[in-house]
PDB file of N, CA and C in Angstrom:
ATOM      1  N   UNK A   1       0.832  -1.176   0.000  1.00  0.00           N
ATOM      2  CA  UNK A   1       0.000   0.000   0.000  1.00  0.00           C
ATOM      3  C   UNK A   1       0.883   1.248   0.000  1.00  0.00           C
ATOM      4  N   UNK A   2       0.615   2.159  -0.874  1.00  0.00           N
ATOM      5  CA  UNK A   2       1.418   3.359  -1.004  1.00  0.00           C
ATOM      6  C   UNK A   2       1.116   4.335   0.128  1.00  0.00           C
ATOM      7  N   UNK A   3       2.164   5.006   0.566  1.00  0.00           N
ATOM      8  CA  UNK A   3       2.007   6.041   1.587  1.00  0.00           C
ATOM      9  C   UNK A   3       1.500   7.313   0.924  1.00  0.00           C
ATOM     10  N   UNK A   4       0.874   8.158   1.716  1.00  0.00           N
ATOM     11  CA  UNK A   4       0.427   9.443   1.200  1.00  0.00           C
ATOM     12  C   UNK A   4       1.627  10.372   1.043  1.00  0.00           C
ATOM     13  N   UNK A   5       1.697  11.003  -0.112  1.00  0.00           N
ATOM     14  CA  UNK A   5       2.784  11.928  -0.401  1.00  0.00           C
ATOM     15  C   UNK A   5       2.664  13.160   0.493  1.00  0.00           C
ATOM     16  N   UNK A   6       3.789  13.658   1.005  1.00  0.00           N
ATOM     17  CA  UNK A   6       3.719  14.869   1.824  1.00  0.00           C
ATOM     18  C   UNK A   6       3.195  16.044   1.005  1.00  0.00           C
ATOM     19  N   UNK A   7       2.423  16.913   1.680  1.00  0.00           N
ATOM     20  CA  UNK A   7       1.804  18.039   0.993  1.00  0.00           C
ATOM     21  C   UNK A   7       2.645  19.308   1.023  1.00  0.00           C
ATOM     22  N   UNK A   8       3.643  19.328   1.905  1.00  0.00           N
ATOM     23  CA  UNK A   8       4.478  20.530   1.997  1.00  0.00           C
ATOM     24  C   UNK A   8       5.847  20.168   2.580  1.00  0.00           C
ATOM     25  N   UNK A   9       6.679  21.186   2.692  1.00  0.00           N
ATOM     26  CA  UNK A   9       8.047  21.023   3.168  1.00  0.00           C
ATOM     27  C   UNK A   9       8.081  20.430   4.581  1.00  0.00           C
ATOM     28  N   UNK A  10       7.189  20.888   5.461  1.00  0.00           N
ATOM     29  CA  UNK A  10       7.164  20.395   6.840  1.00  0.00           C
ATOM     30  C   UNK A  10       6.805  18.911   6.902  1.00  0.00           C
ATOM     31  N   UNK A  11       5.837  18.488   6.111  1.00  0.00           N
ATOM     32  CA  UNK A  11       5.480  17.066   6.078  1.00  0.00           C
ATOM     33  C   UNK A  11       6.623  16.243   5.490  1.00  0.00           C
ATOM     34  N   UNK A  12       7.309  16.802   4.507  1.00  0.00           N
ATOM     35  CA  UNK A  12       8.472  16.122   3.937  1.00  0.00           C
ATOM     36  C   UNK A  12       9.534  15.932   5.020  1.00  0.00           C
ATOM     37  N   UNK A  13       9.798  16.981   5.787  1.00  0.00           N
ATOM     38  CA  UNK A  13      10.777  16.913   6.874  1.00  0.00           C
ATOM     39  C   UNK A  13      10.357  15.879   7.913  1.00  0.00           C
ATOM     40  N   UNK A  14       9.079  15.821   8.241  1.00  0.00           N
ATOM     41  CA  UNK A  14       8.591  14.829   9.196  1.00  0.00           C
ATOM     42  C   UNK A  14       8.819  13.405   8.692  1.00  0.00           C
ATOM     43  N   UNK A  15       8.530  13.170   7.419  1.00  0.00           N
ATOM     44  CA  UNK A  15       8.754  11.833   6.848  1.00  0.00           C
ATOM     45  C   UNK A  15      10.241  11.494   6.813  1.00  0.00           C
ATOM     46  N   UNK A  16      11.051  12.465   6.526  1.00  0.00           N
ATOM     47  CA  UNK A  16      12.496  12.248   6.509  1.00  0.00           C
ATOM     48  C   UNK A  16      12.998  11.922   7.912  1.00  0.00           C
ATOM     49  N   UNK A  17      12.475  12.606   8.903  1.00  0.00           N
ATOM     50  CA  UNK A  17      12.825  12.305  10.290  1.00  0.00           C
ATOM     51  C   UNK A  17      12.413  10.876  10.634  1.00  0.00           C
ATOM     52  N   UNK A  18      11.261  10.450  10.145  1.00  0.00           N
ATOM     53  CA  UNK A  18      10.798   9.083  10.365  1.00  0.00           C
ATOM     54  C   UNK A  18      11.764   8.080   9.721  1.00  0.00           C
ATOM     55  N   UNK A  19      12.285   8.396   8.552  1.00  0.00           N
ATOM     56  CA  UNK A  19      13.238   7.504   7.880  1.00  0.00           C
ATOM     57  C   UNK A  19      14.514   7.356   8.706  1.00  0.00           C
ATOM     58  N   UNK A  20      14.998   8.453   9.276  1.00  0.00           N
ATOM     59  CA  UNK A  20      16.186   8.393  10.142  1.00  0.00           C
ATOM     60  C   UNK A  20      15.881   7.510  11.352  1.00  0.00           C
ATOM     61  N   UNK A  21      14.706   7.678  11.920  1.00  0.00           N
ATOM     62  CA  UNK A  21      14.283   6.852  13.053  1.00  0.00           C
ATOM     63  C   UNK A  21      14.229   5.373  12.663  1.00  0.00           C
ATOM     64  N   UNK A  22      13.718   5.083  11.483  1.00  0.00           N
ATOM     65  CA  UNK A  22      13.623   3.692  11.014  1.00  0.00           C
ATOM     66  C   UNK A  22      15.007   3.056  10.899  1.00  0.00           C
ATOM     67  N   UNK A  23      15.990   3.818  10.465  1.00  0.00           N
ATOM     68  CA  UNK A  23      17.365   3.302  10.399  1.00  0.00           C
ATOM     69  C   UNK A  23      17.852   2.964  11.808  1.00  0.00           C
ATOM     70  N   UNK A  24      17.603   3.862  12.746  1.00  0.00           N
ATOM     71  CA  UNK A  24      18.008   3.606  14.135  1.00  0.00           C
ATOM     72  C   UNK A  24      17.324   2.361  14.685  1.00  0.00           C
ATOM     73  N   UNK A  25      16.046   2.207  14.394  1.00  0.00           N
ATOM     74  CA  UNK A  25      15.298   1.034  14.859  1.00  0.00           C
ATOM     75  C   UNK A  25      15.842  -0.257  14.234  1.00  0.00           C
ATOM     76  N   UNK A  26      16.130  -0.210  12.951  1.00  0.00           N
ATOM     77  CA  UNK A  26      16.676  -1.392  12.281  1.00  0.00           C
ATOM     78  C   UNK A  26      18.024  -1.764  12.893  1.00  0.00           C
ATOM     79  N   UNK A  27      18.855  -0.769  13.118  1.00  0.00           N
ATOM     80  CA  UNK A  27      20.166  -1.020  13.723  1.00  0.00           C
ATOM     81  C   UNK A  27      19.997  -1.668  15.105  1.00  0.00           C
ATOM     82  N   UNK A  28      19.072  -1.173  15.907  1.00  0.00           N
ATOM     83  CA  UNK A  28      18.830  -1.729  17.246  1.00  0.00           C
ATOM     84  C   UNK A  28      18.340  -3.177  17.161  1.00  0.00           C
ATOM     85  N   UNK A  29      17.523  -3.464  16.180  1.00  0.00           N
ATOM     86  CA  UNK A  29      16.957  -4.815  16.030  1.00  0.00           C
ATOM     87  C   UNK A  29      18.001  -5.844  15.615  1.00  0.00           C
ATOM     88  N   UNK A  30      18.978  -5.429  14.847  1.00  0.00           N
ATOM     89  CA  UNK A  30      19.930  -6.414  14.313  1.00  0.00           C
ATOM     90  C   UNK A  30      21.216  -6.512  15.118  1.00  0.00           C
ATOM     91  N   UNK A  31      21.414  -5.649  16.101  1.00  0.00           N
ATOM     92  CA  UNK A  31      22.658  -5.670  16.872  1.00  0.00           C
ATOM     93  C   UNK A  31      22.958  -7.024  17.489  1.00  0.00           C
ATOM     94  N   UNK A  32      21.946  -7.712  17.948  1.00  0.00           N
ATOM     95  CA  UNK A  32      22.148  -8.993  18.628  1.00  0.00           C
ATOM     96  C   UNK A  32      21.942 -10.198  17.725  1.00  0.00           C
ATOM     97  N   UNK A  33      21.799  -9.982  16.444  1.00  0.00           N
ATOM     98  CA  UNK A  33      21.546 -11.086  15.521  1.00  0.00           C
ATOM     99  C   UNK A  33      22.535 -11.030  14.357  1.00  0.00           C
ATOM    100  N   UNK A  34      23.686 -11.674  14.518  1.00  0.00           N
ATOM    101  CA  UNK A  34      24.726 -11.613  13.479  1.00  0.00           C
ATOM    102  C   UNK A  34      24.266 -12.071  12.092  1.00  0.00           C
ATOM    103  N   UNK A  35      23.363 -13.036  12.047  1.00  0.00           N
ATOM    104  CA  UNK A  35      22.883 -13.502  10.750  1.00  0.00           C
ATOM    105  C   UNK A  35      22.098 -12.412  10.028  1.00  0.00           C
ATOM    106  N   UNK A  36      21.247 -11.721  10.750  1.00  0.00           N
ATOM    107  CA  UNK A  36      20.484 -10.622  10.160  1.00  0.00           C
ATOM    108  C   UNK A  36      21.398  -9.453   9.810  1.00  0.00           C
ATOM    109  N   UNK A  37      22.421  -9.245  10.637  1.00  0.00           N
ATOM    110  CA  UNK A  37      23.320  -8.126  10.425  1.00  0.00           C
ATOM    111  C   UNK A  37      23.996  -8.233   9.046  1.00  0.00           C
ATOM    112  N   UNK A  38      24.375  -9.438   8.661  1.00  0.00           N
ATOM    113  CA  UNK A  38      25.032  -9.633   7.359  1.00  0.00           C
ATOM    114  C   UNK A  38      24.156  -9.134   6.212  1.00  0.00           C
ATOM    115  N   UNK A  39      22.880  -9.277   6.356  1.00  0.00           N
ATOM    116  CA  UNK A  39      21.935  -8.855   5.314  1.00  0.00           C
ATOM    117  C   UNK A  39      21.899  -7.331   5.166  1.00  0.00           C
ATOM    118  N   UNK A  40      22.035  -6.618   6.278  1.00  0.00           N
ATOM    119  CA  UNK A  40      21.863  -5.168   6.280  1.00  0.00           C
ATOM    120  C   UNK A  40      23.168  -4.369   6.245  1.00  0.00           C
ATOM    121  N   UNK A  41      24.275  -4.988   6.607  1.00  0.00           N
ATOM    122  CA  UNK A  41      25.564  -4.281   6.657  1.00  0.00           C
ATOM    123  C   UNK A  41      25.929  -3.589   5.347  1.00  0.00           C
ATOM    124  N   UNK A  42      25.687  -4.192   4.187  1.00  0.00           N
ATOM    125  CA  UNK A  42      26.125  -3.541   2.954  1.00  0.00           C
ATOM    126  C   UNK A  42      25.498  -2.168   2.695  1.00  0.00           C
ATOM    127  N   UNK A  43      24.337  -1.894   3.279  1.00  0.00           N
ATOM    128  CA  UNK A  43      23.705  -0.607   2.979  1.00  0.00           C
ATOM    129  C   UNK A  43      23.378   0.250   4.196  1.00  0.00           C
ATOM    130  N   UNK A  44      23.381  -0.318   5.388  1.00  0.00           N
ATOM    131  CA  UNK A  44      22.872   0.409   6.548  1.00  0.00           C
ATOM    132  C   UNK A  44      23.673   1.671   6.876  1.00  0.00           C
ATOM    133  N   UNK A  45      24.982   1.575   6.976  1.00  0.00           N
ATOM    134  CA  UNK A  45      25.783   2.759   7.314  1.00  0.00           C
ATOM    135  C   UNK A  45      25.713   3.844   6.236  1.00  0.00           C
ATOM    136  N   UNK A  46      25.886   3.493   4.957  1.00  0.00           N
ATOM    137  CA  UNK A  46      25.785   4.552   3.947  1.00  0.00           C
ATOM    138  C   UNK A  46      24.392   5.173   3.868  1.00  0.00           C
ATOM    139  N   UNK A  47      23.355   4.363   4.011  1.00  0.00           N
ATOM    140  CA  UNK A  47      21.992   4.900   3.987  1.00  0.00           C
ATOM    141  C   UNK A  47      21.765   5.817   5.184  1.00  0.00           C
ATOM    142  N   UNK A  48      22.237   5.394   6.338  1.00  0.00           N
ATOM    143  CA  UNK A  48      22.123   6.213   7.544  1.00  0.00           C
ATOM    144  C   UNK A  48      22.788   7.576   7.328  1.00  0.00           C
ATOM    145  N   UNK A  49      24.003   7.573   6.836  1.00  0.00           N
ATOM    146  CA  UNK A  49      24.736   8.827   6.617  1.00  0.00           C
ATOM    147  C   UNK A  49      24.015   9.719   5.610  1.00  0.00           C
ATOM    148  N   UNK A  50      23.530   9.134   4.535  1.00  0.00           N
ATOM    149  CA  UNK A  50      22.851   9.921   3.505  1.00  0.00           C
ATOM    150  C   UNK A  50      21.541  10.505   4.026  1.00  0.00           C
ATOM    151  N   UNK A  51      20.782   9.735   4.793  1.00  0.00           N
ATOM    152  CA  UNK A  51      19.513  10.229   5.328  1.00  0.00           C
ATOM    153  C   UNK A  51      19.733  11.332   6.360  1.00  0.00           C
ATOM    154  N   UNK A  52      20.737  11.175   7.203  1.00  0.00           N
ATOM    155  CA  UNK A  52      21.019  12.204   8.216  1.00  0.00           C
ATOM    156  C   UNK A  52      21.484  13.504   7.564  1.00  0.00           C
ATOM    157  N   UNK A  53      22.322  13.397   6.546  1.00  0.00           N
ATOM    158  CA  UNK A  53      22.784  14.590   5.827  1.00  0.00           C
ATOM    159  C   UNK A  53      21.602  15.259   5.121  1.00  0.00           C
ATOM    160  N   UNK A  54      20.765  14.463   4.506  1.00  0.00           N
ATOM    161  CA  UNK A  54      19.587  14.982   3.821  1.00  0.00           C
ATOM    162  C   UNK A  54      18.636  15.658   4.814  1.00  0.00           C
ATOM    163  N   UNK A  55      18.440  15.041   5.976  1.00  0.00           N
ATOM    164  CA  UNK A  55      17.582  15.625   6.999  1.00  0.00           C
ATOM    165  C   UNK A  55      18.106  17.003   7.412  1.00  0.00           C
ATOM    166  N   UNK A  56      19.405  17.097   7.636  1.00  0.00           N
ATOM    167  CA  UNK A  56      19.988  18.393   8.022  1.00  0.00           C
ATOM    168  C   UNK A  56      19.842  19.419   6.907  1.00  0.00           C
ATOM    169  N   UNK A  57      20.040  18.992   5.674  1.00  0.00           N
ATOM    170  CA  UNK A  57      19.875  19.918   4.542  1.00  0.00           C
ATOM    171  C   UNK A  57      18.442  20.439   4.460  1.00  0.00           C
ATOM    172  N   UNK A  58      17.484  19.551   4.655  1.00  0.00           N
ATOM    173  CA  UNK A  58      16.078  19.961   4.598  1.00  0.00           C
ATOM    174  C   UNK A  58      15.755  20.853   5.800  1.00  0.00           C
ATOM    175  N   UNK A  59      16.225  20.455   6.968  1.00  0.00           N
ATOM    176  CA  UNK A  59      15.963  21.227   8.184  1.00  0.00           C
ATOM    177  C   UNK A  59      16.521  22.647   8.076  1.00  0.00           C
ATOM    178  N   UNK A  60      17.679  22.775   7.444  1.00  0.00           N
ATOM    179  CA  UNK A  60      18.314  24.084   7.294  1.00  0.00           C
ATOM    180  C   UNK A  60      17.826  24.844   6.068  1.00  0.00           C
ATOM    181  N   UNK A  61      16.968  24.192   5.280  1.00  0.00           N
ATOM    182  CA  UNK A  61      16.405  24.861   4.115  1.00  0.00           C
ATOM    183  C   UNK A  61      17.342  24.957   2.930  1.00  0.00           C
ATOM    184  N   UNK A  62      18.356  24.106   2.884  1.00  0.00           N
ATOM    185  CA  UNK A  62      19.313  24.178   1.775  1.00  0.00           C
ATOM    186  C   UNK A  62      19.049  23.146   0.678  1.00  0.00           C
ATOM    187  N   UNK A  63      18.072  22.266   0.882  1.00  0.00           N
ATOM    188  CA  UNK A  63      17.729  21.306  -0.173  1.00  0.00           C
ATOM    189  C   UNK A  63      16.873  22.019  -1.210  1.00  0.00           C
ATOM    190  N   UNK A  64      17.342  22.018  -2.422  1.00  0.00           N
ATOM    191  CA  UNK A  64      16.591  22.638  -3.511  1.00  0.00           C
ATOM    192  C   UNK A  64      16.319  21.586  -4.571  1.00  0.00           C
ATOM    193  N   UNK A  65      15.533  21.931  -5.549  1.00  0.00           N
ATOM    194  CA  UNK A  65      15.301  21.017  -6.655  1.00  0.00           C
ATOM    195  C   UNK A  65      14.011  20.230  -6.579  1.00  0.00           C
ATOM    196  N   UNK A  66      13.121  20.580  -5.676  1.00  0.00           N
ATOM    197  CA  UNK A  66      11.837  19.882  -5.607  1.00  0.00           C
ATOM    198  C   UNK A  66      11.094  20.061  -6.934  1.00  0.00           C
ATOM    199  N   UNK A  67      10.513  18.979  -7.412  1.00  0.00           N
ATOM    200  CA  UNK A  67       9.699  19.034  -8.617  1.00  0.00           C
ATOM    201  C   UNK A  67      10.485  19.115  -9.915  1.00  0.00           C
ATOM    202  N   UNK A  68      11.765  18.790  -9.869  1.00  0.00           N
ATOM    203  CA  UNK A  68      12.596  18.872 -11.076  1.00  0.00           C
ATOM    204  C   UNK A  68      12.978  17.497 -11.618  1.00  0.00           C
ATOM    205  N   UNK A  69      12.202  16.486 -11.261  1.00  0.00           N
ATOM    206  CA  UNK A  69      12.382  15.119 -11.768  1.00  0.00           C
ATOM    207  C   UNK A  69      13.760  14.542 -11.484  1.00  0.00           C
ATOM    208  N   UNK A  70      14.364  14.962 -10.389  1.00  0.00           N
ATOM    209  CA  UNK A  70      15.651  14.381  -9.979  1.00  0.00           C
ATOM    210  C   UNK A  70      15.434  13.510  -8.748  1.00  0.00           C
ATOM    211  N   UNK A  71      16.288  12.505  -8.609  1.00  0.00           N
ATOM    212  CA  UNK A  71      16.218  11.611  -7.457  1.00  0.00           C
ATOM    213  C   UNK A  71      17.015  12.162  -6.288  1.00  0.00           C
ATOM    214  N   UNK A  72      16.607  11.751  -5.100  1.00  0.00           N
ATOM    215  CA  UNK A  72      17.373  12.068  -3.900  1.00  0.00           C
ATOM    216  C   UNK A  72      18.660  11.253  -3.899  1.00  0.00           C
ATOM    217  N   UNK A  73      19.689  11.707  -3.181  1.00  0.00           N
ATOM    218  CA  UNK A  73      20.993  11.049  -3.220  1.00  0.00           C
ATOM    219  C   UNK A  73      21.001   9.569  -2.843  1.00  0.00           C
ATOM    220  N   UNK A  74      20.095   9.142  -1.982  1.00  0.00           N
ATOM    221  CA  UNK A  74      20.115   7.747  -1.548  1.00  0.00           C
ATOM    222  C   UNK A  74      19.555   6.766  -2.581  1.00  0.00           C
ATOM    223  N   UNK A  75      19.011   7.245  -3.678  1.00  0.00           N
ATOM    224  CA  UNK A  75      18.312   6.346  -4.597  1.00  0.00           C
ATOM    225  C   UNK A  75      19.201   5.298  -5.264  1.00  0.00           C
ATOM    226  N   UNK A  76      20.449   5.608  -5.521  1.00  0.00           N
ATOM    227  CA  UNK A  76      21.336   4.589  -6.110  1.00  0.00           C
ATOM    228  C   UNK A  76      21.478   3.409  -5.149  1.00  0.00           C
ATOM    229  N   UNK A  77      21.653   3.704  -3.893  1.00  0.00           N
ATOM    230  CA  UNK A  77      21.749   2.669  -2.866  1.00  0.00           C
ATOM    231  C   UNK A  77      20.401   1.959  -2.711  1.00  0.00           C
ATOM    232  N   UNK A  78      19.328   2.716  -2.735  1.00  0.00           N
ATOM    233  CA  UNK A  78      17.987   2.170  -2.605  1.00  0.00           C
ATOM    234  C   UNK A  78      17.697   1.149  -3.706  1.00  0.00           C
ATOM    235  N   UNK A  79      17.985   1.500  -4.926  1.00  0.00           N
ATOM    236  CA  UNK A  79      17.709   0.608  -6.051  1.00  0.00           C
ATOM    237  C   UNK A  79      18.479  -0.705  -5.896  1.00  0.00           C
ATOM    238  N   UNK A  80      19.690  -0.604  -5.432  1.00  0.00           N
ATOM    239  CA  UNK A  80      20.527  -1.794  -5.294  1.00  0.00           C
ATOM    240  C   UNK A  80      20.034  -2.727  -4.185  1.00  0.00           C
ATOM    241  N   UNK A  81      19.528  -2.144  -3.085  1.00  0.00           N
ATOM    242  CA  UNK A  81      19.164  -2.952  -1.918  1.00  0.00           C
ATOM    243  C   UNK A  81      17.686  -2.878  -1.545  1.00  0.00           C
ATOM    244  N   UNK A  82      16.860  -2.428  -2.450  1.00  0.00           N
ATOM    245  CA  UNK A  82      15.448  -2.176  -2.156  1.00  0.00           C
ATOM    246  C   UNK A  82      14.758  -3.332  -1.445  1.00  0.00           C
ATOM    247  N   UNK A  83      14.948  -4.531  -1.916  1.00  0.00           N
ATOM    248  CA  UNK A  83      14.202  -5.657  -1.334  1.00  0.00           C
ATOM    249  C   UNK A  83      14.602  -5.961   0.108  1.00  0.00           C
ATOM    250  N   UNK A  84      15.770  -5.479   0.534  1.00  0.00           N
ATOM    251  CA  UNK A  84      16.228  -5.717   1.901  1.00  0.00           C
ATOM    252  C   UNK A  84      15.897  -4.572   2.860  1.00  0.00           C
ATOM    253  N   UNK A  85      15.357  -3.486   2.357  1.00  0.00           N
ATOM    254  CA  UNK A  85      15.059  -2.327   3.199  1.00  0.00           C
ATOM    255  C   UNK A  85      13.614  -2.428   3.694  1.00  0.00           C
ATOM    256  N   UNK A  86      13.423  -2.639   5.002  1.00  0.00           N
ATOM    257  CA  UNK A  86      12.072  -2.820   5.518  1.00  0.00           C
ATOM    258  C   UNK A  86      11.169  -1.590   5.352  1.00  0.00           C
ATOM    259  N   UNK A  87      11.741  -0.407   5.311  1.00  0.00           N
ATOM    260  CA  UNK A  87      10.956   0.822   5.194  1.00  0.00           C
ATOM    261  C   UNK A  87      11.100   1.436   3.805  1.00  0.00           C
ATOM    262  N   UNK A  88      11.175   0.558   2.814  1.00  0.00           N
ATOM    263  CA  UNK A  88      11.384   0.996   1.425  1.00  0.00           C
ATOM    264  C   UNK A  88      10.257   1.892   0.905  1.00  0.00           C
ATOM    265  N   UNK A  89       9.028   1.648   1.358  1.00  0.00           N
ATOM    266  CA  UNK A  89       7.907   2.465   0.884  1.00  0.00           C
ATOM    267  C   UNK A  89       8.054   3.910   1.355  1.00  0.00           C
ATOM    268  N   UNK A  90       8.554   4.093   2.546  1.00  0.00           N
ATOM    269  CA  UNK A  90       8.813   5.435   3.064  1.00  0.00           C
ATOM    270  C   UNK A  90       9.862   6.152   2.205  1.00  0.00           C
ATOM    271  N   UNK A  91      10.935   5.456   1.879  1.00  0.00           N
ATOM    272  CA  UNK A  91      11.984   6.058   1.040  1.00  0.00           C
ATOM    273  C   UNK A  91      11.474   6.336  -0.369  1.00  0.00           C
ATOM    274  N   UNK A  92      10.660   5.449  -0.887  1.00  0.00           N
ATOM    275  CA  UNK A  92      10.075   5.634  -2.219  1.00  0.00           C
ATOM    276  C   UNK A  92       9.153   6.871  -2.227  1.00  0.00           C
ATOM    277  N   UNK A  93       8.370   7.033  -1.166  1.00  0.00           N
ATOM    278  CA  UNK A  93       7.461   8.176  -1.051  1.00  0.00           C
ATOM    279  C   UNK A  93       8.232   9.488  -0.966  1.00  0.00           C
ATOM    280  N   UNK A  94       9.290   9.511  -0.183  1.00  0.00           N
ATOM    281  CA  UNK A  94      10.120  10.719  -0.080  1.00  0.00           C
ATOM    282  C   UNK A  94      10.704  11.092  -1.437  1.00  0.00           C
ATOM    283  N   UNK A  95      11.225  10.109  -2.140  1.00  0.00           N
ATOM    284  CA  UNK A  95      11.825  10.391  -3.442  1.00  0.00           C
ATOM    285  C   UNK A  95      10.782  10.895  -4.443  1.00  0.00           C
ATOM    286  N   UNK A  96       9.599  10.285  -4.424  1.00  0.00           N
ATOM    287  CA  UNK A  96       8.539  10.729  -5.326  1.00  0.00           C
ATOM    288  C   UNK A  96       8.145  12.182  -5.050  1.00  0.00           C
ATOM    289  N   UNK A  97       8.070  12.541  -3.778  1.00  0.00           N
ATOM    290  CA  UNK A  97       7.732  13.917  -3.410  1.00  0.00           C
ATOM    291  C   UNK A  97       8.804  14.882  -3.893  1.00  0.00           C
ATOM    292  N   UNK A  98      10.053  14.476  -3.799  1.00  0.00           N
ATOM    293  CA  UNK A  98      11.140  15.333  -4.250  1.00  0.00           C
ATOM    294  C   UNK A  98      11.100  15.471  -5.782  1.00  0.00           C
ATOM    295  N   UNK A  99      10.921  14.351  -6.461  1.00  0.00           N
ATOM    296  CA  UNK A  99      10.884  14.359  -7.934  1.00  0.00           C
ATOM    297  C   UNK A  99       9.720  15.187  -8.482  1.00  0.00           C
ATOM    298  N   UNK A 100       8.554  15.010  -7.879  1.00  0.00           N
ATOM    299  CA  UNK A 100       7.332  15.611  -8.412  1.00  0.00           C
ATOM    300  C   UNK A 100       6.973  16.954  -7.789  1.00  0.00           C
ATOM    301  N   UNK A 101       7.531  17.237  -6.608  1.00  0.00           N
ATOM    302  CA  UNK A 101       7.156  18.445  -5.884  1.00  0.00           C
ATOM    303  C   UNK A 101       5.877  18.219  -5.096  1.00  0.00           C
ATOM    304  N   UNK A 102       5.461  19.246  -4.395  1.00  0.00           N
ATOM    305  CA  UNK A 102       4.282  19.118  -3.519  1.00  0.00           C
ATOM    306  C   UNK A 102       3.013  19.451  -4.265  1.00  0.00           C
TER     307      UNK A 102
END
């Protein structure tokens, strides 16, 4: 089921904050499970760094390019590991909002 696209910059920021939280939750869940950790290690740290940087850029108002049909920086990583990302729909929704605008 598709998530509702954010209607404005503040809703976009809220969803982005949720994505950062989801990374933290995933990290907490896999810390004690080495088998699961192997599945997420290839993308978790880079995705975390990209989402946190993006969150700060949006929070500070320096992210530009909404509605210009460009992807967010994490999309290359997303495409490669999409099936392993539990909150992929959230990331897909954020990217769609950025590509299409509000």
